[in-house]
Amino acid sequence: MQTKSYAKYLIMIGAALILSACANTGDEAVMETPDPVVERPTPPPPPPTPAPVMKTDQEILSELMGGTGADTVHFAYDRYDVDATARSILQAQAEWLKSNNKNVIIEGHCDERGTREYNIALGDRRANAVKNYLVAMGVPASRIRTVKSVRSVQITPQTAADIPA
């Protein structure tokens, strides 16, 4: 029996030694783990600035003339003579053309009234009337080209009032 009590005694001493080896007396500093470094995501780069949009000469001229349609010469029904309103528009365009060495194309248009052949001929006479006026204002004829337009312009409520009864 003595071996049994001797074995119990050794087990208790071994257990006490094991437990005492794990005890913290408070004398040692407790090692703290540092807070994890949180990396903030880098903000995305700003979007590239778009390249400036180059305006066409027609857009520049239109702006100089006061906006959309202000650079367009309109003719009376079945006419191709340059009236006072058209002259003021063409004078401003002639000044711009003389100070900017640009070539231009003039298209003569008509509304859908009349035959196709007649409208093409009338559009050609209108384009040539504008060209002749610009040349008279000092724009070199070699920089102006006229084309016969086969497109017709639809009648709007404003032009419908000009239709003879």
N, C-alpha and C. Protein backbone atom coordinates (compact mmCIF):
# COMPACT_ATOMS: atom_id res chain seq x y z
N MET A 1 0.77 -1.16 0.00
CA MET A 1 0.00 0.00 0.00
C MET A 1 0.84 1.26 0.00
N GLN A 2 1.94 1.00 0.46
CA GLN A 2 2.81 2.13 0.52
C GLN A 2 3.18 2.61 -0.89
N THR A 3 3.28 1.80 -1.84
CA THR A 3 3.60 2.21 -3.20
C THR A 3 2.45 3.02 -3.79
N LYS A 4 1.25 2.66 -3.34
CA LYS A 4 0.12 3.42 -3.87
C LYS A 4 0.14 4.83 -3.30
N SER A 5 0.39 4.95 -2.05
CA SER A 5 0.40 6.29 -1.47
C SER A 5 1.62 7.06 -1.96
N TYR A 6 2.74 6.31 -2.18
CA TYR A 6 3.92 6.95 -2.70
C TYR A 6 3.63 7.45 -4.11
N ALA A 7 2.90 6.75 -4.94
CA ALA A 7 2.57 7.13 -6.31
C ALA A 7 1.63 8.33 -6.30
N LYS A 8 0.67 8.37 -5.34
CA LYS A 8 -0.25 9.50 -5.25
C LYS A 8 0.52 10.74 -4.85
N TYR A 9 1.49 10.54 -3.94
CA TYR A 9 2.27 11.64 -3.47
C TYR A 9 3.10 12.21 -4.63
N LEU A 10 3.69 11.42 -5.47
CA LEU A 10 4.49 11.88 -6.60
C LEU A 10 3.61 12.58 -7.65
N ILE A 11 2.42 12.08 -7.84
CA ILE A 11 1.51 12.70 -8.81
C ILE A 11 1.12 14.09 -8.34
N MET A 12 0.87 14.22 -7.03
CA MET A 12 0.47 15.51 -6.49
C MET A 12 1.64 16.50 -6.56
N ILE A 13 2.82 16.07 -6.29
CA ILE A 13 3.98 16.96 -6.36
C ILE A 13 4.23 17.35 -7.82
N GLY A 14 4.14 16.40 -8.74
CA GLY A 14 4.34 16.70 -10.15
C GLY A 14 3.30 17.70 -10.66
N ALA A 15 2.06 17.51 -10.21
CA ALA A 15 1.00 18.42 -10.63
C ALA A 15 1.24 19.81 -10.07
N ALA A 16 1.70 19.90 -8.80
CA ALA A 16 1.99 21.19 -8.19
C ALA A 16 3.12 21.89 -8.91
N LEU A 17 4.13 21.12 -9.31
CA LEU A 17 5.25 21.72 -10.03
C LEU A 17 4.80 22.25 -11.41
N ILE A 18 3.98 21.51 -12.07
CA ILE A 18 3.50 21.91 -13.39
C ILE A 18 2.65 23.17 -13.27
N LEU A 19 1.77 23.20 -12.26
CA LEU A 19 0.90 24.36 -12.10
C LEU A 19 1.68 25.58 -11.64
N SER A 20 2.68 25.37 -10.81
CA SER A 20 3.46 26.50 -10.32
C SER A 20 4.33 27.08 -11.42
N ALA A 21 4.72 26.30 -12.37
CA ALA A 21 5.54 26.80 -13.46
C ALA A 21 4.72 27.72 -14.37
N CYS A 22 3.41 27.54 -14.41
CA CYS A 22 2.55 28.35 -15.29
C CYS A 22 2.01 29.58 -14.60
N ALA A 23 2.22 29.72 -13.33
CA ALA A 23 1.64 30.84 -12.59
C ALA A 23 2.35 32.13 -12.93
N ASN A 24 1.61 33.23 -12.95
CA ASN A 24 2.16 34.56 -13.23
C ASN A 24 2.21 35.30 -11.91
N THR A 25 3.38 35.74 -11.52
CA THR A 25 3.53 36.42 -10.25
C THR A 25 3.24 37.89 -10.37
N GLY A 26 3.14 38.42 -11.57
CA GLY A 26 2.88 39.83 -11.77
C GLY A 26 4.14 40.64 -11.87
N ASP A 27 5.30 40.01 -11.66
CA ASP A 27 6.55 40.73 -11.75
C ASP A 27 6.95 40.98 -13.21
N GLU A 28 6.59 40.06 -14.09
CA GLU A 28 6.97 40.21 -15.48
C GLU A 28 5.97 41.11 -16.19
N ALA A 29 6.48 41.81 -17.14
CA ALA A 29 5.59 42.67 -17.93
C ALA A 29 4.78 41.80 -18.89
N VAL A 30 3.54 42.12 -18.98
CA VAL A 30 2.67 41.39 -19.89
C VAL A 30 2.90 41.96 -21.29
N MET A 31 3.21 41.10 -22.19
CA MET A 31 3.47 41.54 -23.56
C MET A 31 2.14 41.78 -24.25
N GLU A 32 1.97 43.00 -24.70
CA GLU A 32 0.75 43.32 -25.43
C GLU A 32 1.06 43.28 -26.93
N THR A 33 0.13 42.78 -27.65
CA THR A 33 0.32 42.77 -29.10
C THR A 33 -0.10 44.13 -29.63
N PRO A 34 0.68 44.70 -30.52
CA PRO A 34 0.31 46.03 -31.05
C PRO A 34 -0.95 45.93 -31.90
N ASP A 35 -1.66 47.05 -31.93
CA ASP A 35 -2.85 47.10 -32.77
C ASP A 35 -2.42 46.87 -34.22
N PRO A 36 -3.24 46.16 -34.95
CA PRO A 36 -2.87 45.93 -36.35
C PRO A 36 -2.89 47.26 -37.12
N VAL A 37 -1.94 47.41 -38.01
CA VAL A 37 -1.85 48.62 -38.82
C VAL A 37 -2.94 48.54 -39.89
N VAL A 38 -3.80 49.54 -39.85
CA VAL A 38 -4.89 49.58 -40.81
C VAL A 38 -4.44 50.50 -41.95
N GLU A 39 -4.30 49.94 -43.11
CA GLU A 39 -3.90 50.73 -44.26
C GLU A 39 -5.16 51.30 -44.90
N ARG A 40 -5.17 52.60 -44.99
CA ARG A 40 -6.30 53.23 -45.65
C ARG A 40 -6.09 53.13 -47.15
N PRO A 41 -7.14 52.77 -47.86
CA PRO A 41 -6.96 52.66 -49.31
C PRO A 41 -6.66 54.04 -49.89
N THR A 42 -5.77 54.05 -50.83
CA THR A 42 -5.43 55.31 -51.47
C THR A 42 -6.60 55.73 -52.37
N PRO A 43 -6.94 57.00 -52.33
CA PRO A 43 -8.07 57.42 -53.16
C PRO A 43 -7.70 57.27 -54.63
N PRO A 44 -8.70 56.99 -55.44
CA PRO A 44 -8.41 56.84 -56.87
C PRO A 44 -7.95 58.18 -57.44
N PRO A 45 -7.12 58.13 -58.44
CA PRO A 45 -6.66 59.39 -59.03
C PRO A 45 -7.84 60.11 -59.68
N PRO A 46 -7.79 61.41 -59.74
CA PRO A 46 -8.90 62.14 -60.37
C PRO A 46 -8.99 61.76 -61.84
N PRO A 47 -10.20 61.80 -62.38
CA PRO A 47 -10.33 61.44 -63.79
C PRO A 47 -9.55 62.44 -64.64
N PRO A 48 -9.03 61.96 -65.75
CA PRO A 48 -8.26 62.87 -66.60
C PRO A 48 -9.17 63.95 -67.17
N THR A 49 -8.64 65.12 -67.28
CA THR A 49 -9.43 66.20 -67.85
C THR A 49 -9.54 65.97 -69.35
N PRO A 50 -10.74 66.11 -69.87
CA PRO A 50 -10.90 65.85 -71.30
C PRO A 50 -10.17 66.91 -72.11
N ALA A 51 -9.73 66.47 -73.25
CA ALA A 51 -9.04 67.39 -74.16
C ALA A 51 -10.06 68.44 -74.62
N PRO A 52 -9.63 69.65 -74.79
CA PRO A 52 -10.58 70.67 -75.24
C PRO A 52 -11.12 70.31 -76.62
N VAL A 53 -12.40 70.52 -76.77
CA VAL A 53 -13.05 70.21 -78.04
C VAL A 53 -12.80 71.38 -78.99
N MET A 54 -12.22 71.05 -80.09
CA MET A 54 -11.94 72.08 -81.07
C MET A 54 -13.22 72.40 -81.85
N LYS A 55 -13.52 73.66 -81.94
CA LYS A 55 -14.71 74.07 -82.67
C LYS A 55 -14.38 74.18 -84.16
N THR A 56 -15.38 73.88 -84.94
CA THR A 56 -15.20 74.04 -86.38
C THR A 56 -15.29 75.53 -86.72
N ASP A 57 -14.80 75.87 -87.88
CA ASP A 57 -14.89 77.26 -88.32
C ASP A 57 -16.34 77.71 -88.42
N GLN A 58 -17.22 76.78 -88.82
CA GLN A 58 -18.64 77.11 -88.93
C GLN A 58 -19.21 77.44 -87.55
N GLU A 59 -18.82 76.69 -86.51
CA GLU A 59 -19.29 76.97 -85.15
C GLU A 59 -18.76 78.31 -84.64
N ILE A 60 -17.50 78.59 -84.91
CA ILE A 60 -16.92 79.87 -84.50
C ILE A 60 -17.63 81.02 -85.18
N LEU A 61 -17.85 80.90 -86.47
CA LEU A 61 -18.54 81.95 -87.21
C LEU A 61 -19.97 82.11 -86.70
N SER A 62 -20.63 81.01 -86.42
CA SER A 62 -22.00 81.07 -85.92
C SER A 62 -22.06 81.81 -84.58
N GLU A 63 -21.10 81.54 -83.68
CA GLU A 63 -21.06 82.24 -82.40
C GLU A 63 -20.81 83.73 -82.60
N LEU A 64 -19.89 84.07 -83.51
CA LEU A 64 -19.62 85.48 -83.78
C LEU A 64 -20.84 86.19 -84.33
N MET A 65 -21.66 85.45 -85.06
CA MET A 65 -22.84 86.04 -85.67
C MET A 65 -24.02 86.10 -84.70
N GLY A 66 -23.89 85.54 -83.51
CA GLY A 66 -24.96 85.68 -82.52
C GLY A 66 -25.72 84.41 -82.24
N GLY A 67 -25.24 83.27 -82.65
CA GLY A 67 -25.88 82.02 -82.26
C GLY A 67 -26.44 81.24 -83.43
N THR A 68 -27.21 80.25 -83.08
CA THR A 68 -27.74 79.30 -84.05
C THR A 68 -28.62 79.99 -85.08
N GLY A 69 -28.32 79.79 -86.33
CA GLY A 69 -29.14 80.31 -87.41
C GLY A 69 -28.87 81.76 -87.77
N ALA A 70 -28.14 82.49 -86.92
CA ALA A 70 -27.89 83.90 -87.21
C ALA A 70 -26.91 84.07 -88.35
N ASP A 71 -26.23 83.00 -88.74
CA ASP A 71 -25.27 83.10 -89.83
C ASP A 71 -25.84 82.57 -91.14
N THR A 72 -27.13 82.30 -91.18
CA THR A 72 -27.79 81.73 -92.35
C THR A 72 -28.56 82.82 -93.09
N VAL A 73 -28.38 82.86 -94.39
CA VAL A 73 -29.10 83.82 -95.23
C VAL A 73 -30.39 83.17 -95.69
N HIS A 74 -31.50 83.87 -95.48
CA HIS A 74 -32.80 83.37 -95.93
C HIS A 74 -33.27 84.22 -97.11
N PHE A 75 -33.97 83.57 -98.00
CA PHE A 75 -34.49 84.25 -99.19
C PHE A 75 -36.01 84.22 -99.18
N ALA A 76 -36.60 85.18 -99.86
CA ALA A 76 -38.05 85.21 -100.00
C ALA A 76 -38.47 84.06 -100.92
N TYR A 77 -39.75 83.75 -100.89
CA TYR A 77 -40.29 82.66 -101.71
C TYR A 77 -39.99 82.91 -103.18
N ASP A 78 -39.37 81.91 -103.80
CA ASP A 78 -39.09 81.90 -105.23
C ASP A 78 -38.17 83.06 -105.65
N ARG A 79 -37.29 83.50 -104.71
CA ARG A 79 -36.39 84.62 -104.99
C ARG A 79 -34.95 84.20 -104.71
N TYR A 80 -34.02 84.91 -105.35
CA TYR A 80 -32.61 84.66 -105.08
C TYR A 80 -31.82 85.96 -104.93
N ASP A 81 -32.54 87.09 -104.78
CA ASP A 81 -31.84 88.36 -104.58
C ASP A 81 -31.48 88.54 -103.10
N VAL A 82 -30.35 89.20 -102.84
CA VAL A 82 -29.86 89.40 -101.48
C VAL A 82 -30.53 90.65 -100.92
N ASP A 83 -31.38 90.46 -99.88
CA ASP A 83 -32.10 91.59 -99.28
C ASP A 83 -31.26 92.24 -98.17
N ALA A 84 -31.83 93.23 -97.50
CA ALA A 84 -31.10 94.01 -96.49
C ALA A 84 -30.65 93.13 -95.31
N THR A 85 -31.50 92.23 -94.87
CA THR A 85 -31.13 91.34 -93.76
C THR A 85 -29.97 90.44 -94.16
N ALA A 86 -30.04 89.91 -95.35
CA ALA A 86 -28.98 89.04 -95.85
C ALA A 86 -27.67 89.82 -96.01
N ARG A 87 -27.78 91.08 -96.46
CA ARG A 87 -26.56 91.89 -96.64
C ARG A 87 -25.84 92.11 -95.30
N SER A 88 -26.58 92.38 -94.23
CA SER A 88 -25.92 92.59 -92.93
C SER A 88 -25.23 91.31 -92.45
N ILE A 89 -25.85 90.17 -92.68
CA ILE A 89 -25.23 88.89 -92.32
C ILE A 89 -23.98 88.65 -93.16
N LEU A 90 -24.09 88.88 -94.46
CA LEU A 90 -22.97 88.63 -95.36
C LEU A 90 -21.82 89.61 -95.16
N GLN A 91 -22.12 90.84 -94.76
CA GLN A 91 -21.05 91.79 -94.47
C GLN A 91 -20.20 91.31 -93.30
N ALA A 92 -20.87 90.82 -92.25
CA ALA A 92 -20.12 90.29 -91.08
C ALA A 92 -19.32 89.05 -91.48
N GLN A 93 -19.92 88.19 -92.32
CA GLN A 93 -19.19 87.01 -92.76
C GLN A 93 -18.01 87.38 -93.65
N ALA A 94 -18.17 88.39 -94.48
CA ALA A 94 -17.08 88.83 -95.35
C ALA A 94 -15.93 89.36 -94.51
N GLU A 95 -16.21 90.12 -93.48
CA GLU A 95 -15.15 90.63 -92.61
C GLU A 95 -14.40 89.47 -91.96
N TRP A 96 -15.14 88.47 -91.48
CA TRP A 96 -14.51 87.30 -90.85
C TRP A 96 -13.65 86.55 -91.87
N LEU A 97 -14.18 86.36 -93.07
CA LEU A 97 -13.44 85.63 -94.10
C LEU A 97 -12.18 86.37 -94.53
N LYS A 98 -12.24 87.71 -94.55
CA LYS A 98 -11.06 88.47 -94.94
C LYS A 98 -9.98 88.41 -93.86
N SER A 99 -10.37 88.30 -92.60
CA SER A 99 -9.37 88.25 -91.53
C SER A 99 -8.94 86.82 -91.20
N ASN A 100 -9.64 85.82 -91.70
CA ASN A 100 -9.29 84.41 -91.50
C ASN A 100 -9.15 83.76 -92.87
N ASN A 101 -8.00 83.25 -93.16
CA ASN A 101 -7.72 82.68 -94.47
C ASN A 101 -8.35 81.29 -94.57
N LYS A 102 -9.66 81.27 -94.76
CA LYS A 102 -10.40 80.01 -94.84
C LYS A 102 -11.14 79.93 -96.17
N ASN A 103 -11.26 78.69 -96.67
CA ASN A 103 -12.09 78.43 -97.84
C ASN A 103 -13.49 78.09 -97.36
N VAL A 104 -14.50 78.44 -98.16
CA VAL A 104 -15.88 78.16 -97.76
C VAL A 104 -16.63 77.48 -98.90
N ILE A 105 -17.66 76.76 -98.50
CA ILE A 105 -18.58 76.13 -99.45
C ILE A 105 -19.95 76.71 -99.16
N ILE A 106 -20.60 77.20 -100.18
CA ILE A 106 -21.93 77.78 -100.03
C ILE A 106 -22.93 76.85 -100.70
N GLU A 107 -23.94 76.44 -99.93
CA GLU A 107 -25.00 75.59 -100.46
C GLU A 107 -26.26 76.43 -100.57
N GLY A 108 -26.94 76.30 -101.70
CA GLY A 108 -28.22 76.97 -101.87
C GLY A 108 -29.33 75.96 -101.66
N HIS A 109 -30.26 76.27 -100.77
CA HIS A 109 -31.36 75.36 -100.47
C HIS A 109 -32.70 75.98 -100.85
N CYS A 110 -33.70 75.13 -100.97
CA CYS A 110 -35.08 75.55 -101.22
C CYS A 110 -36.00 74.72 -100.33
N ASP A 111 -37.24 75.14 -100.23
CA ASP A 111 -38.20 74.28 -99.54
C ASP A 111 -38.71 73.23 -100.53
N GLU A 112 -39.65 72.42 -100.10
CA GLU A 112 -40.06 71.28 -100.94
C GLU A 112 -41.07 71.66 -102.02
N ARG A 113 -41.49 72.92 -102.06
CA ARG A 113 -42.43 73.33 -103.11
C ARG A 113 -41.71 73.39 -104.45
N GLY A 114 -42.36 73.03 -105.50
CA GLY A 114 -41.75 73.07 -106.84
C GLY A 114 -41.14 71.72 -107.20
N THR A 115 -40.74 71.62 -108.45
CA THR A 115 -40.14 70.37 -108.91
C THR A 115 -38.69 70.29 -108.42
N ARG A 116 -38.17 69.10 -108.42
CA ARG A 116 -36.79 68.88 -107.97
C ARG A 116 -35.82 69.68 -108.83
N GLU A 117 -36.00 69.64 -110.15
CA GLU A 117 -35.11 70.34 -111.06
C GLU A 117 -35.15 71.85 -110.83
N TYR A 118 -36.37 72.39 -110.66
CA TYR A 118 -36.51 73.83 -110.43
C TYR A 118 -35.83 74.22 -109.12
N ASN A 119 -36.02 73.43 -108.07
CA ASN A 119 -35.43 73.76 -106.77
C ASN A 119 -33.90 73.68 -106.80
N ILE A 120 -33.36 72.73 -107.55
CA ILE A 120 -31.90 72.64 -107.67
C ILE A 120 -31.37 73.89 -108.37
N ALA A 121 -32.06 74.32 -109.44
CA ALA A 121 -31.63 75.52 -110.17
C ALA A 121 -31.77 76.77 -109.29
N LEU A 122 -32.86 76.87 -108.52
CA LEU A 122 -33.06 78.02 -107.64
C LEU A 122 -32.00 78.03 -106.53
N GLY A 123 -31.71 76.87 -105.97
CA GLY A 123 -30.67 76.78 -104.95
C GLY A 123 -29.31 77.19 -105.48
N ASP A 124 -29.02 76.82 -106.72
CA ASP A 124 -27.76 77.21 -107.36
C ASP A 124 -27.70 78.72 -107.56
N ARG A 125 -28.81 79.34 -108.00
CA ARG A 125 -28.84 80.80 -108.18
C ARG A 125 -28.67 81.50 -106.82
N ARG A 126 -29.26 80.96 -105.76
CA ARG A 126 -29.12 81.56 -104.42
C ARG A 126 -27.67 81.47 -103.94
N ALA A 127 -27.04 80.32 -104.11
CA ALA A 127 -25.65 80.15 -103.68
C ALA A 127 -24.74 81.10 -104.44
N ASN A 128 -24.96 81.25 -105.75
CA ASN A 128 -24.13 82.16 -106.55
C ASN A 128 -24.39 83.62 -106.19
N ALA A 129 -25.60 83.97 -105.80
CA ALA A 129 -25.90 85.34 -105.37
C ALA A 129 -25.11 85.67 -104.10
N VAL A 130 -25.04 84.71 -103.17
CA VAL A 130 -24.27 84.91 -101.94
C VAL A 130 -22.78 85.02 -102.27
N LYS A 131 -22.29 84.14 -103.14
CA LYS A 131 -20.88 84.18 -103.53
C LYS A 131 -20.54 85.53 -104.17
N ASN A 132 -21.36 85.99 -105.09
CA ASN A 132 -21.10 87.25 -105.77
C ASN A 132 -21.08 88.41 -104.78
N TYR A 133 -21.94 88.39 -103.79
CA TYR A 133 -21.95 89.47 -102.79
C TYR A 133 -20.67 89.43 -101.95
N LEU A 134 -20.25 88.23 -101.53
CA LEU A 134 -19.02 88.12 -100.75
C LEU A 134 -17.80 88.57 -101.56
N VAL A 135 -17.76 88.23 -102.83
CA VAL A 135 -16.66 88.66 -103.69
C VAL A 135 -16.68 90.18 -103.83
N ALA A 136 -17.87 90.77 -103.96
CA ALA A 136 -17.98 92.23 -104.04
C ALA A 136 -17.51 92.89 -102.74
N MET A 137 -17.60 92.17 -101.62
CA MET A 137 -17.15 92.70 -100.33
C MET A 137 -15.65 92.48 -100.11
N GLY A 138 -14.97 91.87 -101.06
CA GLY A 138 -13.51 91.74 -100.98
C GLY A 138 -12.98 90.36 -100.64
N VAL A 139 -13.85 89.36 -100.58
CA VAL A 139 -13.39 87.99 -100.34
C VAL A 139 -12.95 87.40 -101.67
N PRO A 140 -11.74 86.83 -101.75
CA PRO A 140 -11.29 86.25 -103.03
C PRO A 140 -12.21 85.13 -103.51
N ALA A 141 -12.58 85.21 -104.78
CA ALA A 141 -13.49 84.21 -105.36
C ALA A 141 -12.88 82.81 -105.32
N SER A 142 -11.55 82.71 -105.31
CA SER A 142 -10.89 81.40 -105.30
C SER A 142 -11.12 80.66 -103.97
N ARG A 143 -11.53 81.37 -102.94
CA ARG A 143 -11.77 80.74 -101.63
C ARG A 143 -13.22 80.36 -101.43
N ILE A 144 -14.08 80.62 -102.43
CA ILE A 144 -15.51 80.35 -102.30
C ILE A 144 -15.92 79.33 -103.35
N ARG A 145 -16.59 78.29 -102.90
CA ARG A 145 -17.10 77.27 -103.82
C ARG A 145 -18.60 77.14 -103.57
N THR A 146 -19.36 77.03 -104.62
CA THR A 146 -20.80 76.82 -104.48
C THR A 146 -21.13 75.40 -104.90
N VAL A 147 -22.15 74.84 -104.27
CA VAL A 147 -22.62 73.51 -104.65
C VAL A 147 -24.13 73.56 -104.83
N LYS A 148 -24.59 72.74 -105.75
CA LYS A 148 -26.03 72.62 -105.95
C LYS A 148 -26.54 71.64 -104.91
N SER A 149 -27.48 72.07 -104.13
CA SER A 149 -28.02 71.20 -103.09
C SER A 149 -29.23 70.45 -103.63
N VAL A 150 -29.27 69.17 -103.36
CA VAL A 150 -30.42 68.37 -103.77
C VAL A 150 -31.36 68.15 -102.58
N ARG A 151 -30.97 68.68 -101.42
CA ARG A 151 -31.84 68.56 -100.25
C ARG A 151 -32.84 69.70 -100.25
N SER A 152 -34.06 69.39 -99.85
CA SER A 152 -35.07 70.42 -99.68
C SER A 152 -35.26 70.66 -98.19
N VAL A 153 -35.59 71.88 -97.86
CA VAL A 153 -35.85 72.24 -96.47
C VAL A 153 -37.35 72.19 -96.28
N GLN A 154 -37.80 71.56 -95.20
CA GLN A 154 -39.24 71.46 -94.97
C GLN A 154 -39.82 72.81 -94.60
N ILE A 155 -41.06 72.97 -94.95
CA ILE A 155 -41.76 74.21 -94.62
C ILE A 155 -42.09 74.20 -93.13
N THR A 156 -41.75 75.28 -92.46
CA THR A 156 -42.07 75.44 -91.03
C THR A 156 -43.26 76.37 -90.92
N PRO A 157 -43.88 76.49 -89.75
CA PRO A 157 -45.00 77.43 -89.61
C PRO A 157 -44.61 78.86 -89.99
N GLN A 158 -43.34 79.24 -89.77
CA GLN A 158 -42.93 80.59 -90.14
C GLN A 158 -42.90 80.77 -91.66
N THR A 159 -42.43 79.74 -92.38
CA THR A 159 -42.37 79.87 -93.83
C THR A 159 -43.69 79.58 -94.47
N ALA A 160 -44.61 78.92 -93.80
CA ALA A 160 -45.92 78.63 -94.35
C ALA A 160 -46.70 79.91 -94.58
N ALA A 161 -46.44 80.94 -93.77
CA ALA A 161 -47.13 82.22 -93.93
C ALA A 161 -46.73 82.90 -95.22
N ASP A 162 -45.57 82.53 -95.76
CA ASP A 162 -45.10 83.16 -97.01
C ASP A 162 -45.70 82.53 -98.26
N ILE A 163 -46.43 81.41 -98.09
CA ILE A 163 -47.00 80.73 -99.27
C ILE A 163 -48.15 81.57 -99.83
N PRO A 164 -48.06 81.90 -101.09
CA PRO A 164 -49.16 82.71 -101.65
C PRO A 164 -50.43 81.89 -101.74
N ALA A 165 -51.55 82.57 -101.58
CA ALA A 165 -52.85 81.87 -101.62
C ALA A 165 -53.25 81.54 -103.03
